[in-house]
N, C-alpha and C. Protein backbone atom coordinates (compact mmCIF):
# COMPACT_ATOMS: atom_id res chain seq x y z
N MET A 1 27.73 51.74 -2.18
CA MET A 1 27.19 50.54 -1.55
C MET A 1 28.23 49.43 -1.68
N GLY A 2 28.30 48.60 -0.67
CA GLY A 2 29.24 47.49 -0.69
C GLY A 2 28.54 46.19 -0.31
N LEU A 3 29.19 45.09 -0.62
CA LEU A 3 28.69 43.76 -0.28
C LEU A 3 29.72 43.07 0.59
N ILE A 4 29.31 42.72 1.80
CA ILE A 4 30.16 41.98 2.73
C ILE A 4 29.65 40.55 2.76
N GLU A 5 30.55 39.60 2.56
CA GLU A 5 30.18 38.18 2.59
C GLU A 5 31.06 37.45 3.60
N ILE A 6 30.43 36.66 4.43
CA ILE A 6 31.14 35.76 5.33
C ILE A 6 30.71 34.36 4.92
N GLU A 7 31.68 33.56 4.50
CA GLU A 7 31.36 32.31 3.84
C GLU A 7 31.85 31.08 4.61
N ASP A 8 31.03 30.04 4.54
CA ASP A 8 31.36 28.72 5.08
C ASP A 8 31.72 28.74 6.56
N MET A 9 30.93 29.47 7.35
CA MET A 9 31.08 29.38 8.80
C MET A 9 30.56 28.00 9.22
N GLU A 10 31.33 27.29 9.97
CA GLU A 10 30.97 25.92 10.34
C GLU A 10 30.61 25.85 11.81
N PHE A 11 29.48 25.19 12.08
CA PHE A 11 29.00 25.04 13.46
C PHE A 11 28.54 23.61 13.67
N TYR A 12 28.74 23.12 14.88
CA TYR A 12 28.11 21.86 15.29
C TYR A 12 26.95 22.28 16.16
N ALA A 13 25.74 21.90 15.75
CA ALA A 13 24.55 22.39 16.46
C ALA A 13 23.49 21.29 16.52
N TYR A 14 22.41 21.59 17.20
CA TYR A 14 21.39 20.59 17.54
C TYR A 14 20.03 21.00 16.99
N HIS A 15 19.97 21.19 15.67
CA HIS A 15 18.73 21.58 15.01
C HIS A 15 18.17 20.38 14.26
N GLY A 16 16.86 20.31 14.20
CA GLY A 16 16.23 19.28 13.39
C GLY A 16 14.85 18.93 13.88
N HIS A 17 14.08 18.34 12.99
CA HIS A 17 12.71 17.94 13.29
C HIS A 17 12.69 16.73 14.23
N PHE A 18 13.62 15.81 14.03
CA PHE A 18 13.63 14.57 14.81
C PHE A 18 14.31 14.78 16.17
N LYS A 19 13.75 14.14 17.19
CA LYS A 19 14.28 14.26 18.55
C LYS A 19 15.77 13.88 18.59
N GLU A 20 16.14 12.85 17.84
CA GLU A 20 17.54 12.40 17.83
C GLU A 20 18.48 13.50 17.33
N GLU A 21 18.03 14.29 16.35
CA GLU A 21 18.85 15.38 15.83
C GLU A 21 19.14 16.42 16.90
N GLN A 22 18.18 16.63 17.79
CA GLN A 22 18.35 17.63 18.83
C GLN A 22 19.19 17.09 20.00
N VAL A 23 19.49 15.80 19.96
CA VAL A 23 20.35 15.20 20.99
C VAL A 23 21.75 14.95 20.44
N VAL A 24 21.83 14.33 19.26
CA VAL A 24 23.11 13.95 18.66
C VAL A 24 23.78 15.14 17.98
N GLY A 25 22.99 15.98 17.34
CA GLY A 25 23.53 17.15 16.65
C GLY A 25 24.02 16.82 15.25
N ASN A 26 24.50 17.86 14.58
CA ASN A 26 24.95 17.72 13.20
C ASN A 26 25.84 18.91 12.86
N ARG A 27 26.50 18.82 11.73
CA ARG A 27 27.36 19.89 11.24
C ARG A 27 26.56 20.78 10.29
N PHE A 28 26.72 22.09 10.45
CA PHE A 28 26.02 23.07 9.64
C PHE A 28 27.02 24.06 9.06
N LEU A 29 26.73 24.53 7.85
CA LEU A 29 27.50 25.61 7.23
C LEU A 29 26.56 26.80 7.06
N VAL A 30 27.09 27.99 7.33
CA VAL A 30 26.29 29.21 7.18
C VAL A 30 27.08 30.20 6.33
N ASN A 31 26.37 30.80 5.36
CA ASN A 31 26.92 31.87 4.53
C ASN A 31 26.00 33.07 4.68
N VAL A 32 26.60 34.24 4.78
CA VAL A 32 25.80 35.46 4.88
C VAL A 32 26.37 36.50 3.93
N ALA A 33 25.46 37.25 3.31
CA ALA A 33 25.83 38.38 2.45
C ALA A 33 25.05 39.59 2.95
N ILE A 34 25.74 40.72 3.08
CA ILE A 34 25.13 41.94 3.62
C ILE A 34 25.48 43.11 2.73
N ARG A 35 24.46 43.84 2.30
CA ARG A 35 24.67 45.06 1.52
C ARG A 35 24.53 46.24 2.47
N THR A 36 25.59 47.08 2.47
CA THR A 36 25.62 48.26 3.34
C THR A 36 26.49 49.32 2.69
N ASN A 37 26.40 50.52 3.19
CA ASN A 37 27.23 51.61 2.67
C ASN A 37 28.63 51.48 3.27
N CYS A 38 29.61 51.26 2.44
CA CYS A 38 31.00 51.09 2.88
C CYS A 38 31.86 52.32 2.59
N GLN A 39 31.25 53.39 2.16
CA GLN A 39 32.00 54.57 1.72
C GLN A 39 32.85 55.16 2.85
N ALA A 40 32.28 55.36 4.04
CA ALA A 40 33.04 55.96 5.14
C ALA A 40 34.24 55.08 5.52
N ALA A 41 34.01 53.78 5.63
CA ALA A 41 35.10 52.86 6.00
C ALA A 41 36.18 52.81 4.93
N SER A 42 35.78 52.91 3.66
CA SER A 42 36.77 52.84 2.59
C SER A 42 37.68 54.07 2.59
N LYS A 43 37.20 55.16 3.15
CA LYS A 43 38.02 56.37 3.22
C LYS A 43 38.80 56.48 4.53
N SER A 44 38.17 56.10 5.64
CA SER A 44 38.80 56.32 6.95
C SER A 44 39.74 55.19 7.39
N ASP A 45 39.46 53.96 6.93
CA ASP A 45 40.21 52.78 7.37
C ASP A 45 40.04 52.55 8.87
N LYS A 46 38.87 52.90 9.41
CA LYS A 46 38.59 52.75 10.84
C LYS A 46 37.40 51.81 11.04
N LEU A 47 37.58 50.89 11.99
CA LEU A 47 36.55 49.89 12.26
C LEU A 47 35.22 50.54 12.66
N GLU A 48 35.27 51.63 13.39
CA GLU A 48 34.02 52.26 13.83
C GLU A 48 33.20 52.81 12.66
N ASP A 49 33.79 52.93 11.49
CA ASP A 49 33.06 53.38 10.31
C ASP A 49 32.56 52.21 9.45
N ALA A 50 32.85 51.01 9.89
CA ALA A 50 32.50 49.81 9.11
C ALA A 50 31.45 48.98 9.84
N LEU A 51 30.81 48.10 9.10
CA LEU A 51 29.96 47.09 9.72
C LEU A 51 30.92 46.01 10.22
N ASN A 52 30.94 45.79 11.51
CA ASN A 52 31.93 44.92 12.14
C ASN A 52 31.57 43.45 11.90
N TYR A 53 32.29 42.79 10.99
CA TYR A 53 31.91 41.42 10.67
C TYR A 53 32.28 40.42 11.75
N GLN A 54 33.16 40.79 12.68
CA GLN A 54 33.40 39.92 13.83
C GLN A 54 32.13 39.85 14.70
N LEU A 55 31.45 40.98 14.84
CA LEU A 55 30.18 41.00 15.58
C LEU A 55 29.09 40.25 14.82
N VAL A 56 29.11 40.33 13.49
CA VAL A 56 28.16 39.56 12.68
C VAL A 56 28.36 38.07 12.95
N TYR A 57 29.61 37.62 12.92
CA TYR A 57 29.91 36.21 13.19
C TYR A 57 29.41 35.81 14.57
N GLN A 58 29.66 36.63 15.58
CA GLN A 58 29.25 36.29 16.94
C GLN A 58 27.74 36.18 17.05
N LEU A 59 27.03 37.08 16.39
CA LEU A 59 25.57 37.04 16.38
C LEU A 59 25.07 35.73 15.76
N ILE A 60 25.66 35.34 14.63
CA ILE A 60 25.27 34.09 13.97
C ILE A 60 25.60 32.90 14.85
N LYS A 61 26.76 32.91 15.47
CA LYS A 61 27.16 31.83 16.38
C LYS A 61 26.15 31.69 17.52
N ASP A 62 25.75 32.82 18.10
CA ASP A 62 24.76 32.79 19.20
C ASP A 62 23.43 32.20 18.73
N GLU A 63 22.98 32.58 17.55
CA GLU A 63 21.71 32.04 17.02
C GLU A 63 21.84 30.54 16.72
N MET A 64 23.00 30.11 16.25
CA MET A 64 23.19 28.69 15.94
C MET A 64 23.20 27.83 17.21
N GLU A 65 23.50 28.42 18.34
CA GLU A 65 23.52 27.68 19.60
C GLU A 65 22.12 27.46 20.17
N GLU A 66 21.13 28.18 19.67
CA GLU A 66 19.75 28.02 20.14
C GLU A 66 19.04 27.02 19.23
N LYS A 67 18.52 25.93 19.81
CA LYS A 67 17.90 24.86 19.04
C LYS A 67 16.67 25.33 18.27
N SER A 68 16.52 24.80 17.06
CA SER A 68 15.34 25.01 16.23
C SER A 68 15.01 23.71 15.52
N HIS A 69 13.75 23.58 15.11
CA HIS A 69 13.35 22.41 14.34
C HIS A 69 13.63 22.60 12.85
N LEU A 70 13.53 23.83 12.37
CA LEU A 70 13.64 24.07 10.93
C LEU A 70 14.76 25.05 10.59
N LEU A 71 15.41 24.81 9.46
CA LEU A 71 16.43 25.74 8.97
C LEU A 71 15.81 27.11 8.69
N GLU A 72 14.57 27.12 8.22
CA GLU A 72 13.88 28.38 7.95
C GLU A 72 13.78 29.24 9.21
N HIS A 73 13.53 28.59 10.33
CA HIS A 73 13.41 29.31 11.61
C HIS A 73 14.75 29.92 12.02
N ILE A 74 15.82 29.16 11.86
CA ILE A 74 17.15 29.66 12.19
C ILE A 74 17.48 30.86 11.29
N GLY A 75 17.23 30.72 10.00
CA GLY A 75 17.51 31.80 9.05
C GLY A 75 16.73 33.06 9.39
N GLY A 76 15.48 32.91 9.75
CA GLY A 76 14.66 34.06 10.12
C GLY A 76 15.18 34.74 11.38
N ARG A 77 15.60 33.95 12.36
CA ARG A 77 16.16 34.52 13.59
C ARG A 77 17.46 35.27 13.30
N ILE A 78 18.31 34.69 12.44
CA ILE A 78 19.57 35.36 12.10
C ILE A 78 19.28 36.69 11.41
N LEU A 79 18.37 36.71 10.44
CA LEU A 79 18.04 37.97 9.77
C LEU A 79 17.45 38.99 10.73
N ASP A 80 16.55 38.55 11.61
CA ASP A 80 15.97 39.45 12.60
C ASP A 80 17.06 40.08 13.46
N SER A 81 18.00 39.26 13.92
CA SER A 81 19.09 39.75 14.78
C SER A 81 20.01 40.70 14.02
N LEU A 82 20.32 40.37 12.77
CA LEU A 82 21.18 41.25 11.98
C LEU A 82 20.56 42.63 11.82
N TYR A 83 19.29 42.68 11.43
CA TYR A 83 18.63 43.97 11.23
C TYR A 83 18.45 44.73 12.54
N ALA A 84 18.21 44.03 13.64
CA ALA A 84 18.05 44.69 14.94
C ALA A 84 19.37 45.26 15.45
N THR A 85 20.46 44.60 15.12
CA THR A 85 21.78 45.01 15.63
C THR A 85 22.47 46.03 14.73
N PHE A 86 22.25 45.92 13.43
CA PHE A 86 22.97 46.77 12.47
C PHE A 86 21.97 47.55 11.61
N PRO A 87 21.56 48.73 12.05
CA PRO A 87 20.59 49.50 11.27
C PRO A 87 21.11 49.95 9.90
N ALA A 88 22.42 49.88 9.67
CA ALA A 88 22.99 50.31 8.38
C ALA A 88 22.81 49.26 7.28
N ILE A 89 22.27 48.10 7.60
CA ILE A 89 22.07 47.05 6.59
C ILE A 89 20.93 47.48 5.66
N HIS A 90 21.20 47.40 4.36
CA HIS A 90 20.18 47.68 3.35
C HIS A 90 19.51 46.40 2.87
N TRP A 91 20.25 45.29 2.88
CA TRP A 91 19.77 44.00 2.41
C TRP A 91 20.68 42.93 2.99
N ALA A 92 20.10 41.77 3.30
CA ALA A 92 20.91 40.66 3.81
C ALA A 92 20.34 39.33 3.29
N LYS A 93 21.25 38.39 3.12
CA LYS A 93 20.88 37.03 2.69
C LYS A 93 21.65 36.05 3.56
N VAL A 94 20.96 35.02 4.02
CA VAL A 94 21.62 33.98 4.81
C VAL A 94 21.27 32.62 4.21
N LYS A 95 22.28 31.77 4.09
CA LYS A 95 22.11 30.40 3.60
C LYS A 95 22.61 29.46 4.69
N ILE A 96 21.75 28.54 5.10
CA ILE A 96 22.11 27.56 6.13
C ILE A 96 22.03 26.17 5.51
N SER A 97 23.11 25.41 5.66
CA SER A 97 23.17 24.05 5.10
C SER A 97 23.36 23.05 6.23
N LYS A 98 22.53 22.02 6.23
CA LYS A 98 22.70 20.89 7.15
C LYS A 98 23.43 19.80 6.39
N MET A 99 24.58 19.40 6.90
CA MET A 99 25.38 18.39 6.24
C MET A 99 24.85 16.99 6.58
N ASN A 100 24.86 16.10 5.61
CA ASN A 100 24.43 14.70 5.79
C ASN A 100 23.09 14.61 6.53
N PRO A 101 22.04 15.22 5.99
CA PRO A 101 20.75 15.20 6.69
C PRO A 101 20.16 13.79 6.72
N PRO A 102 19.46 13.45 7.81
CA PRO A 102 18.88 12.11 7.93
C PRO A 102 17.59 11.99 7.12
N MET A 103 17.73 11.79 5.81
CA MET A 103 16.57 11.74 4.92
C MET A 103 16.43 10.38 4.24
N GLY A 104 17.12 9.38 4.73
CA GLY A 104 16.97 8.04 4.19
C GLY A 104 17.79 7.72 2.97
N GLY A 105 18.77 8.55 2.67
CA GLY A 105 19.63 8.31 1.52
C GLY A 105 20.93 9.05 1.67
N GLN A 106 21.82 8.88 0.71
CA GLN A 106 23.11 9.55 0.73
C GLN A 106 22.93 10.96 0.17
N ILE A 107 22.92 11.96 1.05
CA ILE A 107 22.71 13.35 0.65
C ILE A 107 23.80 14.18 1.31
N GLU A 108 24.54 14.94 0.51
CA GLU A 108 25.62 15.75 1.05
C GLU A 108 25.11 16.83 1.98
N ARG A 109 24.06 17.56 1.55
CA ARG A 109 23.53 18.65 2.35
C ARG A 109 22.15 19.06 1.86
N VAL A 110 21.44 19.71 2.74
CA VAL A 110 20.20 20.39 2.38
C VAL A 110 20.35 21.82 2.85
N SER A 111 19.90 22.77 2.03
CA SER A 111 20.13 24.18 2.35
C SER A 111 18.84 24.98 2.23
N VAL A 112 18.77 26.03 3.03
CA VAL A 112 17.68 27.01 2.94
C VAL A 112 18.33 28.38 2.85
N THR A 113 17.86 29.20 1.91
CA THR A 113 18.35 30.56 1.75
C THR A 113 17.19 31.54 1.94
N LEU A 114 17.40 32.51 2.82
CA LEU A 114 16.41 33.57 3.06
C LEU A 114 17.08 34.91 2.83
N GLU A 115 16.31 35.87 2.34
CA GLU A 115 16.85 37.21 2.15
C GLU A 115 15.76 38.23 2.35
N ARG A 116 16.18 39.41 2.76
CA ARG A 116 15.25 40.55 2.85
C ARG A 116 16.02 41.84 2.84
């Protein structure tokens, strides 16, 4: 079993509860961890034997482009897409952080982490 991590993917997107957030947008960071069997890829050195993390990135990018009100909703959509696209996944975790959230104070980020 192996652990694949893609860290600090940065997106400018239009998620949020407030109407202004869905117009002005904000910066988001996404981290994903995926547990899968890496044995074949470790022996063959061939992409077709591996979980293609370029495709994982593209899937996350596509989900980040679709507006949501809640980080929980985005995380759930990302996990749904990962499992639907990559049946070899045994476990996945996604963390989504909204930078400088409009919460009435100086806050670096707010994050939601989902796993299944």
